[in-house]
Protein backbone atom coordinates (compact mmCIF):
# COMPACT_ATOMS: atom_id res chain seq x y z
CA MET A 1 0.03 0.12 -0.19
CA VAL A 2 1.49 3.21 -0.85
CA PRO A 3 0.90 5.90 1.74
CA GLN A 4 -1.11 8.64 1.19
CA PHE A 5 0.06 12.09 2.65
CA ARG A 6 -2.17 14.21 3.11
CA ALA A 7 -1.84 13.77 6.19
CA LEU A 8 1.19 15.95 6.12
CA PHE A 9 -1.56 18.81 6.39
CA VAL A 10 -0.76 18.81 9.72
CA LEU A 11 2.06 21.02 9.02
CA ALA A 12 -0.05 23.47 7.15
CA LEU A 13 -1.20 24.64 10.58
CA MET A 14 1.74 25.69 11.49
CA GLY A 15 1.00 30.08 11.26
CA ALA A 16 3.09 33.26 11.09
CA ALA A 17 3.51 36.21 13.75
CA MET A 18 0.05 37.59 13.89
CA ASP A 19 -0.60 41.42 12.58
CA SER A 20 -3.37 43.88 14.90
CA ALA A 21 -6.29 42.65 13.53
CA ALA A 22 -5.95 39.04 13.98
CA ALA A 23 -4.94 39.72 17.36
CA ALA A 24 -8.42 41.29 17.61
CA ALA A 25 -9.80 38.17 16.96
CA PRO A 26 -11.93 35.74 19.61
CA SER A 27 -9.04 32.72 19.05
CA ALA A 28 -5.75 34.60 18.54
CA THR A 29 -4.40 33.58 21.84
CA VAL A 30 -0.64 32.82 20.73
CA ASP A 31 1.78 34.66 18.43
CA LEU A 32 3.33 31.78 15.32
CA VAL A 33 6.09 32.13 14.16
CA ALA A 34 7.12 32.56 10.04
CA HIS A 35 9.63 29.69 9.66
CA ARG A 36 10.98 27.20 7.37
CA ALA A 37 11.96 23.26 8.01
CA ILE A 38 13.63 20.17 7.14
CA TYR A 39 12.69 16.94 8.08
CA ARG A 40 14.65 14.14 8.20
CA MET A 41 12.05 11.09 7.25
CA SER A 42 12.11 7.58 8.26
CA LEU A 43 10.27 4.46 8.98
CA GLY A 44 8.94 3.95 12.25
CA THR A 45 7.33 0.86 12.71
CA ALA A 46 5.72 -1.83 10.52
CA THR A 47 3.60 -4.73 10.57
CA ALA A 48 3.75 -8.18 8.32
CA LYS A 49 0.79 -7.38 6.64
CA SER A 50 2.02 -3.90 5.21
CA GLY A 51 4.70 -5.13 3.13
CA VAL A 52 7.01 -1.94 3.99
CA VAL A 53 10.01 -3.07 5.17
CA GLY A 54 12.29 0.35 5.05
CA ALA A 55 11.23 4.16 4.29
CA ARG A 56 13.42 6.91 4.13
CA GLY A 57 13.32 10.54 2.39
CA ALA A 58 12.87 14.32 3.80
CA MET A 59 9.90 16.98 3.82
CA LEU A 60 10.41 20.96 3.46
CA TYR A 61 7.82 23.09 4.94
CA ARG A 62 7.44 27.05 4.69
CA PHE A 63 5.30 28.95 6.13
CA ALA A 64 5.19 32.94 4.86
CA ARG A 65 3.23 35.60 6.22
CA GLY A 66 1.98 37.95 3.35
CA CYS A 67 0.13 40.73 3.65
CA ASP A 68 -3.42 39.71 3.64
CA GLY A 69 -2.79 36.14 4.84
CA TRP A 70 -0.51 32.78 5.70
CA THR A 71 1.21 31.42 2.47
CA GLY A 72 2.58 27.48 3.35
CA GLU A 73 4.13 25.33 0.97
CA THR A 74 5.07 21.09 1.58
CA LYS A 75 7.65 19.44 -1.01
CA THR A 76 7.71 15.82 0.73
CA TYR A 77 10.34 13.62 -1.13
CA LEU A 78 10.06 9.90 -0.13
CA ARG A 79 11.47 6.28 -1.09
CA VAL A 80 9.11 3.31 0.66
CA GLN A 81 10.68 -0.40 0.48
CA TYR A 82 8.41 -3.41 0.14
CA ASP A 83 9.53 -6.66 1.56
CA GLU A 84 8.97 -8.26 -2.00
CA GLY A 85 11.40 -6.27 -3.22
CA ASP A 86 9.65 -2.88 -5.16
CA GLU A 87 10.63 0.63 -4.38
CA VAL A 88 7.24 3.27 -4.87
CA GLU A 89 8.85 7.02 -5.05
CA ILE A 90 6.61 9.74 -4.03
CA ALA A 91 6.87 13.40 -4.45
CA TRP A 92 3.89 15.05 -2.78
CA THR A 93 3.49 18.77 -3.06
CA PHE A 94 1.03 20.97 -0.95
CA ALA A 95 0.27 24.78 -1.72
CA ASN A 96 -2.09 27.01 0.46
CA TRP A 97 -2.77 30.47 1.48
CA GLU A 98 -5.31 31.05 4.73
CA SER A 99 -6.64 34.88 5.25
CA PHE A 100 -5.77 36.85 8.79
CA ASN A 101 -9.32 36.47 9.67
CA GLY A 102 -9.83 32.81 8.82
CA LEU A 103 -12.77 32.94 6.41
CA ASN A 104 -10.93 32.60 3.13
CA TYR A 105 -8.74 29.67 1.53
CA ARG A 106 -6.88 28.51 -1.78
CA PHE A 107 -5.03 25.40 -2.29
CA ARG A 108 -3.17 23.18 -4.62
CA LEU A 109 -1.99 18.89 -4.19
CA ARG A 110 0.35 17.67 -6.38
CA ASN A 111 1.17 14.15 -6.01
CA LYS A 112 3.47 11.46 -8.17
CA GLU A 113 4.36 8.35 -7.56
CA ASN A 114 7.28 6.79 -9.97
CA GLY A 115 7.01 9.79 -11.68
CA ARG A 116 3.16 9.70 -12.85
CA THR A 117 1.05 11.83 -11.18
CA THR A 118 -1.63 10.39 -9.37
CA GLU A 119 -3.59 13.41 -7.64
CA ASP A 120 -3.94 17.34 -9.43
CA ILE A 121 -6.65 19.31 -6.50
CA GLN A 122 -6.86 22.53 -6.50
CA GLY A 123 -9.80 24.95 -5.39
CA THR A 124 -10.95 27.52 -2.89
CA ALA A 125 -12.92 27.78 0.22
CA THR A 126 -14.43 30.48 2.09
CA LEU A 127 -16.93 30.93 5.49
CA SER A 128 -19.84 32.85 6.25
CA GLY A 129 -18.23 34.32 8.88
CA VAL A 130 -16.43 33.31 12.43
CA GLY A 131 -18.54 29.71 13.46
CA LYS A 132 -20.57 29.63 10.15
CA GLY A 133 -20.29 27.26 7.32
CA GLY A 134 -19.55 27.91 4.01
CA LYS A 135 -18.15 26.81 0.45
CA ALA A 136 -15.21 24.51 -0.75
CA ARG A 137 -15.25 24.88 -4.82
CA TYR A 138 -12.62 22.37 -6.49
CA SER A 139 -11.49 23.20 -10.05
CA GLN A 140 -9.52 20.03 -9.91
CA PRO A 141 -9.86 17.24 -10.65
CA GLU A 142 -13.65 17.99 -11.40
CA GLU A 143 -15.39 21.15 -10.86
CA VAL A 144 -16.99 20.37 -7.84
CA THR A 145 -19.20 22.68 -4.84
CA MET A 146 -19.39 21.18 -1.43
CA ASP A 147 -21.02 22.45 1.74
CA LEU A 148 -19.07 23.36 5.15
CA PRO A 149 -21.08 22.69 7.69
CA ALA A 150 -21.11 25.49 10.74
CA GLY A 151 -17.80 25.80 12.99
CA THR A 152 -15.59 25.09 9.78
CA LEU A 153 -11.95 25.61 10.62
CA PHE A 154 -9.06 26.40 8.06
CA PRO A 155 -5.66 24.81 8.96
CA THR A 156 -4.26 28.15 10.66
CA GLN A 157 -7.30 29.33 12.99
CA HIS A 158 -7.17 25.15 13.60
CA LEU A 159 -3.79 25.16 15.41
CA ARG A 160 -4.51 28.60 17.23
CA GLU A 161 -8.08 27.26 18.35
CA LEU A 162 -6.01 24.12 19.66
CA PHE A 163 -3.50 26.42 21.34
CA ARG A 164 -6.31 28.14 23.34
CA ALA A 165 -7.34 25.54 24.10
CA GLY A 166 -4.59 23.80 26.09
CA ARG A 167 -3.74 27.30 27.98
CA GLU A 168 -7.41 26.72 29.26
CA GLY A 169 -6.24 23.70 30.42
CA SER A 170 -8.82 21.42 27.75
CA VAL A 171 -7.11 18.02 27.24
CA ARG A 172 -9.60 17.04 24.56
CA VAL A 173 -10.55 19.45 21.26
CA SER A 174 -12.94 17.89 18.43
CA LYS A 175 -13.53 20.05 15.58
CA VAL A 176 -14.47 20.18 11.78
CA VAL A 177 -11.10 20.95 9.25
CA PHE A 178 -10.93 21.35 5.68
CA ASP A 179 -7.92 21.74 4.33
CA GLY A 180 -8.22 20.96 0.81
CA SER A 181 -5.39 18.16 0.34
CA SER A 182 -7.83 15.14 -0.80
CA THR A 183 -11.04 15.39 -2.35
CA ASP A 184 -13.11 13.85 0.57
CA ASN A 185 -12.32 16.71 3.08
CA PRO A 186 -13.74 18.36 5.38
CA PHE A 187 -11.95 15.96 8.49
CA GLU A 188 -13.71 16.01 12.18
CA ILE A 189 -10.05 15.67 14.31
CA ASN A 190 -10.28 14.73 17.52
CA VAL A 191 -7.06 16.02 19.62
CA LEU A 192 -5.72 15.37 22.55
CA LEU A 193 -3.35 17.35 24.21
CA ARG A 194 -0.48 17.31 26.84
CA ARG A 195 1.39 19.86 28.54
CA VAL A 196 4.97 18.99 28.37
CA LYS A 197 7.11 19.47 31.77
CA LYS A 198 9.04 22.43 31.68
CA GLU A 199 12.48 20.43 31.60
CA GLU A 200 11.73 19.32 28.47
CA SER A 201 10.43 22.21 26.73
CA ALA A 202 13.79 23.68 27.71
CA LYS A 203 15.87 20.94 26.47
CA ILE A 204 13.39 21.49 23.31
CA ALA A 205 14.75 25.25 23.73
CA ASN A 206 18.00 24.38 24.22
CA GLU A 207 18.26 21.79 20.35
CA LEU A 208 16.73 24.82 17.93
CA GLY A 209 18.80 27.85 19.95
CA LEU A 210 15.36 29.75 20.49
CA ASP A 211 14.12 30.97 23.61
CA GLU A 212 12.06 28.64 25.84
CA LEU A 213 8.14 28.26 25.41
CA PRO A 214 5.81 26.00 26.33
CA ALA A 215 4.52 23.35 24.42
CA TRP A 216 2.42 20.53 24.27
CA ARG A 217 2.34 16.67 22.61
CA MET A 218 -1.10 16.49 20.55
CA TRP A 219 -2.82 13.01 18.83
CA LEU A 220 -4.66 14.16 16.20
CA ALA A 221 -7.56 11.54 14.76
CA PHE A 222 -9.06 11.96 11.63
CA PHE A 223 -12.54 10.86 10.68
CA PRO A 224 -14.67 11.94 7.72
CA VAL A 225 -17.43 14.15 8.47
CA GLY A 226 -20.42 12.14 9.38
CA SER A 227 -18.22 9.00 10.02
CA LYS A 228 -19.48 6.47 12.07
CA GLU A 229 -16.50 4.54 12.29
CA THR A 230 -14.39 3.84 15.29
CA LEU A 231 -11.43 3.71 14.10
CA PRO A 232 -9.75 7.11 11.98
CA ASP A 233 -8.49 6.99 8.54
CA PHE A 234 -5.20 7.84 9.87
CA GLU A 235 -3.28 9.54 12.97
CA ILE A 236 -0.92 11.91 13.58
CA GLY A 237 1.12 12.50 16.83
CA VAL A 238 3.20 16.16 17.32
CA ARG A 239 5.65 17.83 19.78
CA TYR A 240 4.57 21.54 18.92
CA ARG A 241 6.21 24.84 20.64
CA GLU A 242 3.52 27.35 21.42
CA ASP A 243 5.00 29.32 18.50
CA GLY A 244 4.10 26.85 16.20
CA ILE A 245 6.85 25.09 15.38
CA ALA A 246 6.93 21.71 15.49
CA ASP A 247 10.33 19.43 16.06
CA ARG A 248 8.47 15.74 16.62
CA ILE A 249 5.96 14.25 13.66
CA GLU A 250 4.64 10.72 13.93
CA GLN A 251 2.21 9.73 11.13
CA ASP A 252 0.20 6.06 11.66
CA PHE A 253 -1.60 4.77 8.82
CA GLY A 254 -2.46 1.85 10.50
CA SER A 255 0.12 -0.77 9.53
CA PHE A 256 3.27 1.90 9.86
CA THR A 257 4.37 4.51 10.92
CA LEU A 258 6.33 7.37 9.72
CA ASP A 259 9.08 9.39 12.17
CA LEU A 260 9.92 12.83 11.19
CA THR A 261 12.70 14.55 12.91
CA LEU A 262 13.15 18.20 12.17
CA ASP A 263 16.58 18.74 10.94
CA GLU A 264 17.30 22.27 9.67
CA LEU A 265 15.29 25.26 11.05
CA GLU A 266 15.32 29.01 10.03
CA LEU A 267 12.78 31.80 10.88
CA LEU A 268 11.69 34.24 8.38
CA PRO A 269 10.93 37.73 8.33
CA LYS A 270 8.02 39.65 8.28
CA PRO A 271 7.22 41.31 5.20
CA ASP A 272 7.61 44.71 4.18
CA CYS A 273 3.84 45.59 3.84
C-alpha cells in the first residue's frame, strides 16, 4: 500500500506572527512564527501485513506571512521499500493560502508516484463568518462545490484554537477542519493535548537555539465528517512549541508509521507591507 500523504497537511497548521487585526480575533491567543523547516523522514514501525520494510526521505515546509494572509508550502520526497523488493518513489507537494481572519482559503496539491502524477487537486473555500458554514469549490480534478458545516475551520485557525484550548487546560478538542489536501475533505479532527514538563520544553528550546516556550504533545485522529467508524482514517502525533514550531512528528497509517525529525530550522522575516 502506498501511503497517502494528505496527512502531511498537519504542517499547514503552523502559522506566522499575527498582525493587530488578527490579534483582535476571538481565537488569537498566541503568536505563531513564520519559518522554514526541513524534516528527516524514516520508517518507525511496520507490521508484516503492511509489506513495508523501509522508508527514507525528507520534507521541506515553509510558512510565510504575507500582507493579507499566511502562505504555506510543503514538499515531500520519500522512497518506500516493500518486502518483495519493490520500491516506490513519492513526490508530494501542497501549497495553501489562508486569510488572516480565517474566512478565505486557497489550496493546490500534486502527488507523483514513480514520476507519474496520481493526484492533482486545486480549489478555494470560503466561510460566511466566524463559526458559520461556507463553500468549498474544487477546480481540479473536476469542478465540484460542497457545503462546509457550521464551525468549520481552516488549518491555521485550527492550530490557534488548539493552543488556546491547551492554555485553558483542555485535554480534548474536536473540530471540523477543511484543508483541501484530498477530495474527501473536510475531516472531524479529534485531538488529545498534554502539556510537556518544563524540563522537556527547556530541552527543546536548547536544541533549536530558541527561547524557551511552553510546548504540547498532540495526538490528532482524522475522521470523515459524519463517519460512524470507531477507528480514524489516520492519526498524527506532534510535539509543538507554542509558537507553532514542531520538532517531532509521527504519522500513523495503521499498519506502519513514519517518523519525522526536525533537521534544519530557519525563522523568516515579516513582510514589508
